Amino acid sequence: MSGGTKRLPRAVREQQMLDAAVKVFSQNGFRDASMDAIAAEAKISKPMLYLYYGSKEELFSACIARESGLFIEAMSVGFDPGLSQREQARTTIREFLRFVHENRQSWRVLYRVAIGTASFANVVSESRRRVTEMVTDLIKAGTTVEGAGDIDFELTAVALVGASEAVADRITEGDVDLDTATDLLVGIVWRGLKGVGTDRTA
């Protein structure tokens, strides 16, 4: 342990440990990630890591809680129900994909590692449910399609979140850029919403 990290406040050191854990979990998965590797990445001793987090499961749970919270927070920023329907859809999608683009390790931990680990899959499902509800409300608030009902907004949100997750995986691989992915998904959602209700000119 270096002298420069001895006196870090507890909250700062916890974030340091979580940053290291997210990196190691994203690279190695849950099963193959070791507390030794995480301690080394955090530049602390393994006993200190266990002092803060009593097991790998506890540490992974803390990572999931933090990263899903950051994801929800990112999705909540910048939305304006006063925007046109198309601009609202674009804002929703871009914030989703921007988070993935800027937090690739976080995305991998949340939607690859955690969803593939049985004991943590329910946490990811809850995060997805919260995001879907948020997107449903945003689409409903911003829509101009006459005759569209709650089920139209809910199913559009489910489709949007599912499609965004699939496209987000491509973004983490670096084979599609943010603007291209946003334009593609906006086009899909926009055409879908125009196809519901009685208003075909919205």
N, C-alpha and C. Protein backbone atom coordinates (compact mmCIF):
# COMPACT_ATOMS: atom_id res chain seq x y z
N MET A 1 0.84 -1.18 0.00
CA MET A 1 0.00 0.00 0.00
C MET A 1 0.88 1.23 0.00
N SER A 2 0.61 2.16 -0.92
CA SER A 2 1.46 3.35 -0.99
C SER A 2 1.05 4.35 0.06
N GLY A 3 2.04 5.16 0.46
CA GLY A 3 1.77 6.15 1.49
C GLY A 3 0.75 7.17 1.06
N GLY A 4 0.65 7.39 -0.28
CA GLY A 4 -0.27 8.40 -0.77
C GLY A 4 -1.72 8.03 -0.64
N THR A 5 -2.04 6.76 -0.36
CA THR A 5 -3.44 6.37 -0.26
C THR A 5 -3.86 6.03 1.16
N LYS A 6 -2.97 6.13 2.13
CA LYS A 6 -3.28 5.70 3.49
C LYS A 6 -4.41 6.50 4.11
N ARG A 7 -4.42 7.81 3.86
CA ARG A 7 -5.35 8.67 4.58
C ARG A 7 -6.57 9.06 3.75
N LEU A 8 -6.87 8.33 2.73
CA LEU A 8 -8.07 8.63 1.94
C LEU A 8 -9.32 8.49 2.80
N PRO A 9 -10.27 9.41 2.69
CA PRO A 9 -11.54 9.25 3.42
C PRO A 9 -12.23 7.96 2.99
N ARG A 10 -13.01 7.39 3.89
CA ARG A 10 -13.67 6.12 3.61
C ARG A 10 -14.49 6.16 2.33
N ALA A 11 -15.27 7.22 2.14
CA ALA A 11 -16.12 7.31 0.95
C ALA A 11 -15.30 7.33 -0.32
N VAL A 12 -14.17 8.01 -0.30
CA VAL A 12 -13.30 8.07 -1.47
C VAL A 12 -12.70 6.69 -1.74
N ARG A 13 -12.24 6.04 -0.67
CA ARG A 13 -11.64 4.71 -0.85
C ARG A 13 -12.68 3.71 -1.37
N GLU A 14 -13.92 3.81 -0.89
CA GLU A 14 -14.96 2.91 -1.38
C GLU A 14 -15.16 3.07 -2.89
N GLN A 15 -15.19 4.31 -3.35
CA GLN A 15 -15.35 4.55 -4.78
C GLN A 15 -14.15 4.02 -5.56
N GLN A 16 -12.97 4.15 -4.98
CA GLN A 16 -11.76 3.63 -5.60
C GLN A 16 -11.86 2.12 -5.76
N MET A 17 -12.34 1.46 -4.73
CA MET A 17 -12.50 0.00 -4.78
C MET A 17 -13.56 -0.40 -5.80
N LEU A 18 -14.66 0.34 -5.84
CA LEU A 18 -15.73 0.02 -6.79
C LEU A 18 -15.27 0.26 -8.22
N ASP A 19 -14.52 1.33 -8.45
CA ASP A 19 -13.97 1.58 -9.79
C ASP A 19 -13.11 0.41 -10.24
N ALA A 20 -12.25 -0.05 -9.34
CA ALA A 20 -11.37 -1.18 -9.66
C ALA A 20 -12.19 -2.44 -9.91
N ALA A 21 -13.19 -2.66 -9.07
CA ALA A 21 -14.01 -3.87 -9.20
C ALA A 21 -14.78 -3.87 -10.52
N VAL A 22 -15.36 -2.73 -10.89
CA VAL A 22 -16.10 -2.65 -12.15
C VAL A 22 -15.17 -3.00 -13.32
N LYS A 23 -13.95 -2.49 -13.28
CA LYS A 23 -13.00 -2.77 -14.36
C LYS A 23 -12.69 -4.26 -14.44
N VAL A 24 -12.41 -4.87 -13.29
CA VAL A 24 -12.03 -6.29 -13.28
C VAL A 24 -13.23 -7.17 -13.63
N PHE A 25 -14.40 -6.87 -13.07
CA PHE A 25 -15.59 -7.66 -13.39
C PHE A 25 -15.94 -7.54 -14.87
N SER A 26 -15.80 -6.35 -15.44
CA SER A 26 -16.15 -6.16 -16.85
C SER A 26 -15.21 -6.94 -17.76
N GLN A 27 -13.97 -7.09 -17.35
CA GLN A 27 -12.98 -7.79 -18.16
C GLN A 27 -13.04 -9.31 -17.99
N ASN A 28 -13.31 -9.75 -16.77
CA ASN A 28 -13.18 -11.18 -16.45
C ASN A 28 -14.49 -11.89 -16.15
N GLY A 29 -15.58 -11.13 -15.97
CA GLY A 29 -16.82 -11.76 -15.53
C GLY A 29 -16.80 -11.97 -14.03
N PHE A 30 -17.93 -12.38 -13.48
CA PHE A 30 -18.02 -12.54 -12.03
C PHE A 30 -17.20 -13.72 -11.53
N ARG A 31 -17.36 -14.86 -12.16
CA ARG A 31 -16.73 -16.08 -11.66
C ARG A 31 -15.21 -16.00 -11.70
N ASP A 32 -14.67 -15.44 -12.78
CA ASP A 32 -13.22 -15.44 -12.95
C ASP A 32 -12.53 -14.21 -12.36
N ALA A 33 -13.31 -13.25 -11.88
CA ALA A 33 -12.69 -12.09 -11.22
C ALA A 33 -12.28 -12.50 -9.81
N SER A 34 -11.07 -12.13 -9.42
CA SER A 34 -10.59 -12.49 -8.08
C SER A 34 -10.46 -11.25 -7.21
N MET A 35 -10.61 -11.44 -5.93
CA MET A 35 -10.42 -10.33 -5.00
C MET A 35 -8.96 -9.87 -5.03
N ASP A 36 -8.04 -10.78 -5.30
CA ASP A 36 -6.63 -10.40 -5.43
C ASP A 36 -6.45 -9.40 -6.56
N ALA A 37 -7.07 -9.70 -7.72
CA ALA A 37 -6.94 -8.82 -8.87
C ALA A 37 -7.59 -7.46 -8.61
N ILE A 38 -8.72 -7.48 -7.93
CA ILE A 38 -9.42 -6.21 -7.63
C ILE A 38 -8.61 -5.38 -6.65
N ALA A 39 -8.05 -6.01 -5.63
CA ALA A 39 -7.22 -5.30 -4.66
C ALA A 39 -6.00 -4.70 -5.35
N ALA A 40 -5.41 -5.47 -6.26
CA ALA A 40 -4.23 -4.98 -6.98
C ALA A 40 -4.60 -3.79 -7.86
N GLU A 41 -5.74 -3.87 -8.52
CA GLU A 41 -6.19 -2.77 -9.38
C GLU A 41 -6.47 -1.51 -8.56
N ALA A 42 -7.00 -1.72 -7.34
CA ALA A 42 -7.30 -0.59 -6.46
C ALA A 42 -6.07 -0.10 -5.69
N LYS A 43 -4.97 -0.83 -5.83
CA LYS A 43 -3.72 -0.50 -5.14
C LYS A 43 -3.89 -0.50 -3.62
N ILE A 44 -4.57 -1.53 -3.15
CA ILE A 44 -4.74 -1.72 -1.71
C ILE A 44 -4.46 -3.19 -1.40
N SER A 45 -4.42 -3.52 -0.11
CA SER A 45 -4.21 -4.91 0.28
C SER A 45 -5.53 -5.67 0.22
N LYS A 46 -5.45 -6.97 0.01
CA LYS A 46 -6.68 -7.77 0.00
C LYS A 46 -7.40 -7.73 1.35
N PRO A 47 -6.67 -7.78 2.50
CA PRO A 47 -7.37 -7.66 3.78
C PRO A 47 -8.18 -6.36 3.89
N MET A 48 -7.65 -5.26 3.36
CA MET A 48 -8.41 -4.01 3.42
C MET A 48 -9.66 -4.10 2.55
N LEU A 49 -9.55 -4.75 1.40
CA LEU A 49 -10.72 -4.91 0.53
C LEU A 49 -11.80 -5.70 1.26
N TYR A 50 -11.39 -6.77 1.94
CA TYR A 50 -12.35 -7.57 2.69
C TYR A 50 -12.90 -6.82 3.90
N LEU A 51 -12.15 -5.87 4.41
CA LEU A 51 -12.63 -5.05 5.52
C LEU A 51 -13.83 -4.22 5.09
N TYR A 52 -13.78 -3.74 3.88
CA TYR A 52 -14.86 -2.92 3.35
C TYR A 52 -16.00 -3.77 2.77
N TYR A 53 -15.63 -4.83 2.07
CA TYR A 53 -16.61 -5.71 1.43
C TYR A 53 -16.26 -7.14 1.81
N GLY A 54 -17.13 -7.76 2.58
CA GLY A 54 -16.82 -9.05 3.19
C GLY A 54 -16.71 -10.22 2.24
N SER A 55 -17.19 -10.07 1.00
CA SER A 55 -17.12 -11.17 0.05
C SER A 55 -17.17 -10.60 -1.37
N LYS A 56 -16.84 -11.44 -2.32
CA LYS A 56 -16.92 -11.00 -3.72
C LYS A 56 -18.36 -10.70 -4.09
N GLU A 57 -19.30 -11.48 -3.55
CA GLU A 57 -20.71 -11.23 -3.83
C GLU A 57 -21.15 -9.87 -3.30
N GLU A 58 -20.70 -9.53 -2.11
CA GLU A 58 -21.06 -8.24 -1.53
C GLU A 58 -20.47 -7.09 -2.35
N LEU A 59 -19.24 -7.27 -2.81
CA LEU A 59 -18.60 -6.25 -3.63
C LEU A 59 -19.32 -6.11 -4.97
N PHE A 60 -19.68 -7.21 -5.58
CA PHE A 60 -20.38 -7.15 -6.86
C PHE A 60 -21.75 -6.50 -6.70
N SER A 61 -22.43 -6.79 -5.61
CA SER A 61 -23.73 -6.16 -5.34
C SER A 61 -23.58 -4.65 -5.22
N ALA A 62 -22.51 -4.21 -4.56
CA ALA A 62 -22.25 -2.78 -4.43
C ALA A 62 -21.99 -2.15 -5.79
N CYS A 63 -21.27 -2.87 -6.65
CA CYS A 63 -21.02 -2.37 -8.01
C CYS A 63 -22.33 -2.22 -8.78
N ILE A 64 -23.18 -3.23 -8.70
CA ILE A 64 -24.45 -3.19 -9.42
C ILE A 64 -25.31 -2.04 -8.92
N ALA A 65 -25.36 -1.86 -7.61
CA ALA A 65 -26.17 -0.79 -7.03
C ALA A 65 -25.68 0.58 -7.52
N ARG A 66 -24.37 0.77 -7.51
CA ARG A 66 -23.84 2.07 -7.94
C ARG A 66 -24.04 2.30 -9.42
N GLU A 67 -23.71 1.30 -10.23
CA GLU A 67 -23.79 1.49 -11.68
C GLU A 67 -25.23 1.64 -12.16
N SER A 68 -26.16 0.89 -11.59
CA SER A 68 -27.56 1.03 -12.00
C SER A 68 -28.10 2.38 -11.57
N GLY A 69 -27.65 2.88 -10.42
CA GLY A 69 -28.05 4.21 -9.97
C GLY A 69 -27.54 5.29 -10.91
N LEU A 70 -26.30 5.15 -11.37
CA LEU A 70 -25.73 6.11 -12.32
C LEU A 70 -26.48 6.06 -13.65
N PHE A 71 -26.87 4.86 -14.05
CA PHE A 71 -27.61 4.70 -15.29
C PHE A 71 -28.97 5.40 -15.21
N ILE A 72 -29.69 5.16 -14.12
CA ILE A 72 -31.00 5.80 -13.94
C ILE A 72 -30.84 7.32 -13.89
N GLU A 73 -29.82 7.79 -13.20
CA GLU A 73 -29.58 9.23 -13.10
C GLU A 73 -29.29 9.82 -14.48
N ALA A 74 -28.49 9.13 -15.27
CA ALA A 74 -28.17 9.61 -16.61
C ALA A 74 -29.42 9.68 -17.48
N MET A 75 -30.29 8.71 -17.34
CA MET A 75 -31.51 8.69 -18.12
C MET A 75 -32.48 9.79 -17.70
N SER A 76 -32.34 10.28 -16.48
CA SER A 76 -33.26 11.27 -15.95
C SER A 76 -32.87 12.70 -16.32
N VAL A 77 -31.66 12.88 -16.82
CA VAL A 77 -31.13 14.22 -17.07
C VAL A 77 -31.46 14.67 -18.49
N GLY A 78 -31.89 15.90 -18.61
CA GLY A 78 -32.04 16.51 -19.92
C GLY A 78 -33.36 16.28 -20.60
N PHE A 79 -34.32 15.63 -19.95
CA PHE A 79 -35.61 15.39 -20.57
C PHE A 79 -36.53 16.59 -20.39
N ASP A 80 -37.27 16.93 -21.43
CA ASP A 80 -38.19 18.06 -21.39
C ASP A 80 -39.51 17.62 -22.01
N PRO A 81 -40.55 17.38 -21.18
CA PRO A 81 -41.84 16.93 -21.73
C PRO A 81 -42.44 17.93 -22.72
N GLY A 82 -41.94 19.15 -22.74
CA GLY A 82 -42.46 20.14 -23.67
C GLY A 82 -41.91 19.98 -25.08
N LEU A 83 -40.94 19.10 -25.26
CA LEU A 83 -40.38 18.88 -26.59
C LEU A 83 -41.39 18.19 -27.49
N SER A 84 -41.18 18.30 -28.78
CA SER A 84 -42.00 17.55 -29.71
C SER A 84 -41.77 16.06 -29.50
N GLN A 85 -42.70 15.28 -30.01
CA GLN A 85 -42.59 13.83 -29.81
C GLN A 85 -41.28 13.29 -30.38
N ARG A 86 -40.93 13.73 -31.57
CA ARG A 86 -39.71 13.21 -32.20
C ARG A 86 -38.47 13.62 -31.41
N GLU A 87 -38.42 14.87 -30.96
CA GLU A 87 -37.27 15.33 -30.19
C GLU A 87 -37.20 14.64 -28.83
N GLN A 88 -38.38 14.37 -28.24
CA GLN A 88 -38.41 13.64 -26.97
C GLN A 88 -37.84 12.24 -27.14
N ALA A 89 -38.26 11.59 -28.22
CA ALA A 89 -37.74 10.25 -28.50
C ALA A 89 -36.23 10.29 -28.73
N ARG A 90 -35.78 11.29 -29.47
CA ARG A 90 -34.34 11.39 -29.75
C ARG A 90 -33.55 11.62 -28.46
N THR A 91 -34.08 12.49 -27.58
CA THR A 91 -33.40 12.77 -26.31
C THR A 91 -33.30 11.51 -25.45
N THR A 92 -34.42 10.78 -25.38
CA THR A 92 -34.44 9.54 -24.60
C THR A 92 -33.40 8.56 -25.10
N ILE A 93 -33.41 8.34 -26.40
CA ILE A 93 -32.49 7.37 -26.99
C ILE A 93 -31.04 7.82 -26.86
N ARG A 94 -30.79 9.09 -27.14
CA ARG A 94 -29.41 9.56 -27.10
C ARG A 94 -28.83 9.47 -25.70
N GLU A 95 -29.62 9.81 -24.67
CA GLU A 95 -29.12 9.72 -23.30
C GLU A 95 -28.80 8.27 -22.94
N PHE A 96 -29.64 7.36 -23.38
CA PHE A 96 -29.41 5.93 -23.14
C PHE A 96 -28.08 5.51 -23.77
N LEU A 97 -27.93 5.81 -25.05
CA LEU A 97 -26.74 5.36 -25.77
C LEU A 97 -25.49 6.13 -25.35
N ARG A 98 -25.67 7.40 -24.99
CA ARG A 98 -24.52 8.19 -24.53
C ARG A 98 -23.95 7.60 -23.25
N PHE A 99 -24.83 7.17 -22.34
CA PHE A 99 -24.35 6.54 -21.11
C PHE A 99 -23.51 5.31 -21.44
N VAL A 100 -24.00 4.49 -22.35
CA VAL A 100 -23.26 3.28 -22.73
C VAL A 100 -21.93 3.64 -23.36
N HIS A 101 -21.97 4.64 -24.26
CA HIS A 101 -20.76 5.05 -24.97
C HIS A 101 -19.69 5.54 -24.00
N GLU A 102 -20.10 6.27 -22.97
CA GLU A 102 -19.15 6.87 -22.03
C GLU A 102 -18.84 5.97 -20.84
N ASN A 103 -19.61 4.90 -20.66
CA ASN A 103 -19.44 4.02 -19.50
C ASN A 103 -19.51 2.56 -19.94
N ARG A 104 -18.60 2.19 -20.83
CA ARG A 104 -18.67 0.85 -21.43
C ARG A 104 -18.46 -0.26 -20.40
N GLN A 105 -17.55 -0.04 -19.48
CA GLN A 105 -17.32 -1.07 -18.45
C GLN A 105 -18.55 -1.22 -17.57
N SER A 106 -19.17 -0.11 -17.22
CA SER A 106 -20.39 -0.14 -16.42
C SER A 106 -21.48 -0.93 -17.14
N TRP A 107 -21.64 -0.67 -18.43
CA TRP A 107 -22.66 -1.38 -19.21
C TRP A 107 -22.39 -2.87 -19.23
N ARG A 108 -21.13 -3.25 -19.43
CA ARG A 108 -20.80 -4.68 -19.48
C ARG A 108 -21.12 -5.37 -18.15
N VAL A 109 -20.82 -4.68 -17.06
CA VAL A 109 -21.10 -5.27 -15.75
C VAL A 109 -22.60 -5.42 -15.54
N LEU A 110 -23.37 -4.40 -15.92
CA LEU A 110 -24.81 -4.43 -15.69
C LEU A 110 -25.53 -5.41 -16.61
N TYR A 111 -25.20 -5.39 -17.89
CA TYR A 111 -26.03 -6.11 -18.85
C TYR A 111 -25.36 -7.31 -19.50
N ARG A 112 -24.16 -7.62 -19.08
CA ARG A 112 -23.55 -8.87 -19.53
C ARG A 112 -23.20 -9.75 -18.34
N VAL A 113 -22.40 -9.19 -17.44
CA VAL A 113 -21.94 -9.99 -16.31
C VAL A 113 -23.09 -10.27 -15.34
N ALA A 114 -23.80 -9.23 -14.92
CA ALA A 114 -24.85 -9.43 -13.91
C ALA A 114 -26.00 -10.26 -14.43
N ILE A 115 -26.44 -9.99 -15.68
CA ILE A 115 -27.58 -10.73 -16.20
C ILE A 115 -27.24 -12.20 -16.40
N GLY A 116 -25.95 -12.51 -16.54
CA GLY A 116 -25.53 -13.89 -16.71
C GLY A 116 -25.20 -14.59 -15.41
N THR A 117 -25.37 -13.88 -14.30
CA THR A 117 -25.10 -14.43 -12.97
C THR A 117 -26.42 -14.56 -12.25
N ALA A 118 -26.89 -15.79 -12.06
CA ALA A 118 -28.26 -16.05 -11.62
C ALA A 118 -28.66 -15.25 -10.39
N SER A 119 -27.77 -15.17 -9.41
CA SER A 119 -28.13 -14.53 -8.16
C SER A 119 -28.27 -13.01 -8.28
N PHE A 120 -27.84 -12.45 -9.42
CA PHE A 120 -27.91 -10.99 -9.60
C PHE A 120 -28.83 -10.59 -10.74
N ALA A 121 -29.36 -11.54 -11.48
CA ALA A 121 -30.18 -11.21 -12.65
C ALA A 121 -31.41 -10.39 -12.26
N ASN A 122 -31.96 -10.65 -11.05
CA ASN A 122 -33.16 -9.92 -10.64
C ASN A 122 -32.87 -8.43 -10.43
N VAL A 123 -31.65 -8.11 -10.04
CA VAL A 123 -31.27 -6.71 -9.86
C VAL A 123 -31.29 -5.98 -11.20
N VAL A 124 -30.78 -6.64 -12.24
CA VAL A 124 -30.77 -6.06 -13.57
C VAL A 124 -32.20 -5.92 -14.08
N SER A 125 -33.03 -6.92 -13.82
CA SER A 125 -34.42 -6.86 -14.26
C SER A 125 -35.15 -5.69 -13.63
N GLU A 126 -34.86 -5.41 -12.37
CA GLU A 126 -35.48 -4.28 -11.69
C GLU A 126 -35.00 -2.97 -12.29
N SER A 127 -33.74 -2.88 -12.61
CA SER A 127 -33.21 -1.68 -13.24
C SER A 127 -33.87 -1.46 -14.60
N ARG A 128 -34.01 -2.54 -15.37
CA ARG A 128 -34.65 -2.44 -16.68
C ARG A 128 -36.11 -2.02 -16.52
N ARG A 129 -36.79 -2.53 -15.51
CA ARG A 129 -38.20 -2.16 -15.28
C ARG A 129 -38.31 -0.67 -15.00
N ARG A 130 -37.42 -0.14 -14.16
CA ARG A 130 -37.45 1.28 -13.83
C ARG A 130 -37.19 2.14 -15.05
N VAL A 131 -36.23 1.74 -15.88
CA VAL A 131 -35.94 2.49 -17.10
C VAL A 131 -37.13 2.45 -18.05
N THR A 132 -37.75 1.27 -18.19
CA THR A 132 -38.90 1.14 -19.09
C THR A 132 -40.06 2.01 -18.63
N GLU A 133 -40.31 2.04 -17.32
CA GLU A 133 -41.36 2.90 -16.79
C GLU A 133 -41.06 4.37 -17.07
N MET A 134 -39.81 4.75 -16.88
CA MET A 134 -39.41 6.14 -17.12
C MET A 134 -39.62 6.50 -18.59
N VAL A 135 -39.19 5.62 -19.49
CA VAL A 135 -39.32 5.88 -20.91
C VAL A 135 -40.80 5.93 -21.31
N THR A 136 -41.61 5.04 -20.74
CA THR A 136 -43.05 5.06 -21.00
C THR A 136 -43.65 6.41 -20.65
N ASP A 137 -43.33 6.90 -19.47
CA ASP A 137 -43.87 8.20 -19.02
C ASP A 137 -43.41 9.34 -19.92
N LEU A 138 -42.13 9.28 -20.33
CA LEU A 138 -41.59 10.35 -21.17
C LEU A 138 -42.25 10.36 -22.55
N ILE A 139 -42.42 9.18 -23.13
CA ILE A 139 -43.07 9.10 -24.43
C ILE A 139 -44.51 9.57 -24.33
N LYS A 140 -45.18 9.15 -23.28
CA LYS A 140 -46.58 9.53 -23.08
C LYS A 140 -46.71 11.04 -22.91
N ALA A 141 -45.79 11.63 -22.16
CA ALA A 141 -45.85 13.07 -21.91
C ALA A 141 -45.56 13.87 -23.17
N GLY A 142 -44.73 13.35 -24.03
CA GLY A 142 -44.31 14.11 -25.19
C GLY A 142 -45.05 13.78 -26.48
N THR A 143 -45.94 12.77 -26.45
CA THR A 143 -46.56 12.32 -27.69
C THR A 143 -47.59 13.30 -28.22
N THR A 144 -47.73 13.30 -29.54
CA THR A 144 -48.78 14.08 -30.20
C THR A 144 -49.69 13.18 -31.02
N VAL A 145 -49.59 11.88 -30.82
CA VAL A 145 -50.39 10.93 -31.58
C VAL A 145 -51.77 10.79 -30.94
N GLU A 146 -52.79 11.15 -31.67
CA GLU A 146 -54.15 11.03 -31.16
C GLU A 146 -54.60 9.58 -31.20
N GLY A 147 -55.31 9.18 -30.17
CA GLY A 147 -55.86 7.83 -30.14
C GLY A 147 -54.92 6.79 -29.57
N ALA A 148 -53.69 7.16 -29.25
CA ALA A 148 -52.75 6.20 -28.65
C ALA A 148 -53.11 5.98 -27.19
N GLY A 149 -53.09 4.72 -26.75
CA GLY A 149 -53.41 4.40 -25.38
C GLY A 149 -52.19 4.02 -24.57
N ASP A 150 -52.41 3.75 -23.28
CA ASP A 150 -51.29 3.42 -22.39
C ASP A 150 -50.51 2.21 -22.89
N ILE A 151 -51.22 1.23 -23.45
CA ILE A 151 -50.53 0.02 -23.91
C ILE A 151 -49.60 0.35 -25.09
N ASP A 152 -49.99 1.32 -25.91
CA ASP A 152 -49.13 1.73 -27.03
C ASP A 152 -47.83 2.32 -26.51
N PHE A 153 -47.94 3.19 -25.50
CA PHE A 153 -46.75 3.82 -24.94
C PHE A 153 -45.87 2.79 -24.23
N GLU A 154 -46.51 1.88 -23.49
CA GLU A 154 -45.74 0.88 -22.74
C GLU A 154 -45.00 -0.06 -23.69
N LEU A 155 -45.68 -0.56 -24.70
CA LEU A 155 -45.03 -1.49 -25.63
C LEU A 155 -43.96 -0.79 -26.45
N THR A 156 -44.19 0.47 -26.80
CA THR A 156 -43.15 1.23 -27.50
C THR A 156 -41.91 1.37 -26.63
N ALA A 157 -42.11 1.64 -25.34
CA ALA A 157 -40.98 1.76 -24.42
C ALA A 157 -40.26 0.44 -24.27
N VAL A 158 -40.99 -0.67 -24.14
CA VAL A 158 -40.38 -1.99 -24.04
C VAL A 158 -39.53 -2.27 -25.28
N ALA A 159 -40.10 -1.98 -26.45
CA ALA A 159 -39.37 -2.21 -27.70
C ALA A 159 -38.14 -1.32 -27.78
N LEU A 160 -38.29 -0.06 -27.35
CA LEU A 160 -37.18 0.89 -27.41
C LEU A 160 -36.04 0.45 -26.50
N VAL A 161 -36.37 0.07 -25.26
CA VAL A 161 -35.33 -0.35 -24.31
C VAL A 161 -34.64 -1.61 -24.82
N GLY A 162 -35.43 -2.56 -25.32
CA GLY A 162 -34.83 -3.79 -25.84
C GLY A 162 -33.91 -3.53 -27.02
N ALA A 163 -34.39 -2.71 -27.95
CA ALA A 163 -33.57 -2.39 -29.13
C ALA A 163 -32.33 -1.60 -28.72
N SER A 164 -32.50 -0.69 -27.78
CA SER A 164 -31.36 0.12 -27.33
C SER A 164 -30.31 -0.74 -26.66
N GLU A 165 -30.74 -1.74 -25.89
CA GLU A 165 -29.79 -2.64 -25.26
C GLU A 165 -28.98 -3.40 -26.31
N ALA A 166 -29.67 -3.86 -27.35
CA ALA A 166 -28.98 -4.60 -28.41
C ALA A 166 -27.99 -3.70 -29.14
N VAL A 167 -28.42 -2.48 -29.47
CA VAL A 167 -27.54 -1.54 -30.17
C VAL A 167 -26.40 -1.12 -29.24
N ALA A 168 -26.70 -0.98 -27.95
CA ALA A 168 -25.67 -0.58 -26.99
C ALA A 168 -24.53 -1.59 -26.95
N ASP A 169 -24.86 -2.87 -27.09
CA ASP A 169 -23.80 -3.88 -27.14
C ASP A 169 -22.87 -3.64 -28.33
N ARG A 170 -23.44 -3.22 -29.46
CA ARG A 170 -22.61 -2.93 -30.62
C ARG A 170 -21.73 -1.71 -30.36
N ILE A 171 -22.25 -0.74 -29.63
CA ILE A 171 -21.46 0.45 -29.30
C ILE A 171 -20.27 0.08 -28.43
N THR A 172 -20.48 -0.81 -27.46
CA THR A 172 -19.37 -1.20 -26.58
C THR A 172 -18.29 -1.93 -27.34
N GLU A 173 -18.65 -2.55 -28.47
CA GLU A 173 -17.66 -3.23 -29.30
C GLU A 173 -16.95 -2.26 -30.23
N GLY A 174 -17.46 -1.03 -30.31
CA GLY A 174 -16.82 -0.01 -31.13
C GLY A 174 -17.10 -0.10 -32.61
N ASP A 175 -18.12 -0.89 -33.02
CA ASP A 175 -18.37 -1.04 -34.45
C ASP A 175 -19.56 -0.23 -34.95
N VAL A 176 -20.11 0.65 -34.11
CA VAL A 176 -21.14 1.59 -34.54
C VAL A 176 -20.99 2.86 -33.70
N ASP A 177 -21.18 4.02 -34.33
CA ASP A 177 -20.99 5.26 -33.57
C ASP A 177 -22.31 5.73 -32.99
N LEU A 178 -22.21 6.65 -32.04
CA LEU A 178 -23.35 7.11 -31.25
C LEU A 178 -24.42 7.76 -32.12
N ASP A 179 -24.04 8.64 -33.02
CA ASP A 179 -25.01 9.36 -33.84
C ASP A 179 -25.74 8.42 -34.80
N THR A 180 -25.01 7.50 -35.40
CA THR A 180 -25.63 6.54 -36.31
C THR A 180 -26.65 5.68 -35.57
N ALA A 181 -26.27 5.20 -34.39
CA ALA A 181 -27.16 4.35 -33.59
C ALA A 181 -28.39 5.14 -33.16
N THR A 182 -28.21 6.39 -32.75
CA THR A 182 -29.33 7.22 -32.33
C THR A 182 -30.31 7.43 -33.47
N ASP A 183 -29.80 7.80 -34.64
CA ASP A 183 -30.66 8.05 -35.80
C ASP A 183 -31.45 6.80 -36.18
N LEU A 184 -30.79 5.65 -36.13
CA LEU A 184 -31.46 4.39 -36.47
C LEU A 184 -32.62 4.11 -35.53
N LEU A 185 -32.38 4.22 -34.24
CA LEU A 185 -33.42 3.91 -33.26
C LEU A 185 -34.53 4.94 -33.27
N VAL A 186 -34.20 6.22 -33.48
CA VAL A 186 -35.24 7.25 -33.57
C VAL A 186 -36.17 6.93 -34.73
N GLY A 187 -35.59 6.53 -35.86
CA GLY A 187 -36.41 6.20 -37.02
C GLY A 187 -37.37 5.05 -36.73
N ILE A 188 -36.88 4.03 -36.04
CA ILE A 188 -37.71 2.87 -35.71
C ILE A 188 -38.86 3.26 -34.79
N VAL A 189 -38.52 3.99 -33.71
CA VAL A 189 -39.54 4.38 -32.73
C VAL A 189 -40.53 5.36 -33.34
N TRP A 190 -40.04 6.30 -34.10
CA TRP A 190 -40.91 7.31 -34.70
C TRP A 190 -41.94 6.66 -35.62
N ARG A 191 -41.49 5.73 -36.46
CA ARG A 191 -42.43 5.06 -37.36
C ARG A 191 -43.42 4.23 -36.57
N GLY A 192 -42.95 3.63 -35.47
CA GLY A 192 -43.85 2.82 -34.65
C GLY A 192 -44.94 3.63 -34.00
N LEU A 193 -44.61 4.79 -33.47
CA LEU A 193 -45.60 5.63 -32.82
C LEU A 193 -46.58 6.22 -33.83
N LYS A 194 -46.11 6.52 -35.03
CA LYS A 194 -47.00 7.06 -36.04
C LYS A 194 -48.00 6.02 -36.51
N GLY A 195 -47.71 4.76 -36.24
CA GLY A 195 -48.59 3.70 -36.69
C GLY A 195 -49.69 3.35 -35.71
N VAL A 196 -49.73 4.00 -34.55
CA VAL A 196 -50.76 3.69 -33.56
C VAL A 196 -51.78 4.82 -33.52
N GLY A 197 -52.89 4.51 -32.88
CA GLY A 197 -53.92 5.54 -32.71
C GLY A 197 -54.62 5.86 -34.02
N THR A 198 -55.17 7.06 -34.10
CA THR A 198 -55.95 7.45 -35.27
C THR A 198 -55.25 8.53 -36.07
N ASP A 199 -54.20 9.13 -35.51
CA ASP A 199 -53.50 10.23 -36.18
C ASP A 199 -52.32 9.68 -36.96
N ARG A 200 -52.37 9.73 -38.27
CA ARG A 200 -51.28 9.20 -39.10
C ARG A 200 -50.42 10.32 -39.68
N THR A 201 -50.70 11.57 -39.25
CA THR A 201 -49.94 12.69 -39.78
C THR A 201 -49.09 13.35 -38.72
N ALA A 202 -49.09 12.81 -37.45
CA ALA A 202 -48.36 13.44 -36.36
C ALA A 202 -46.88 13.38 -36.62
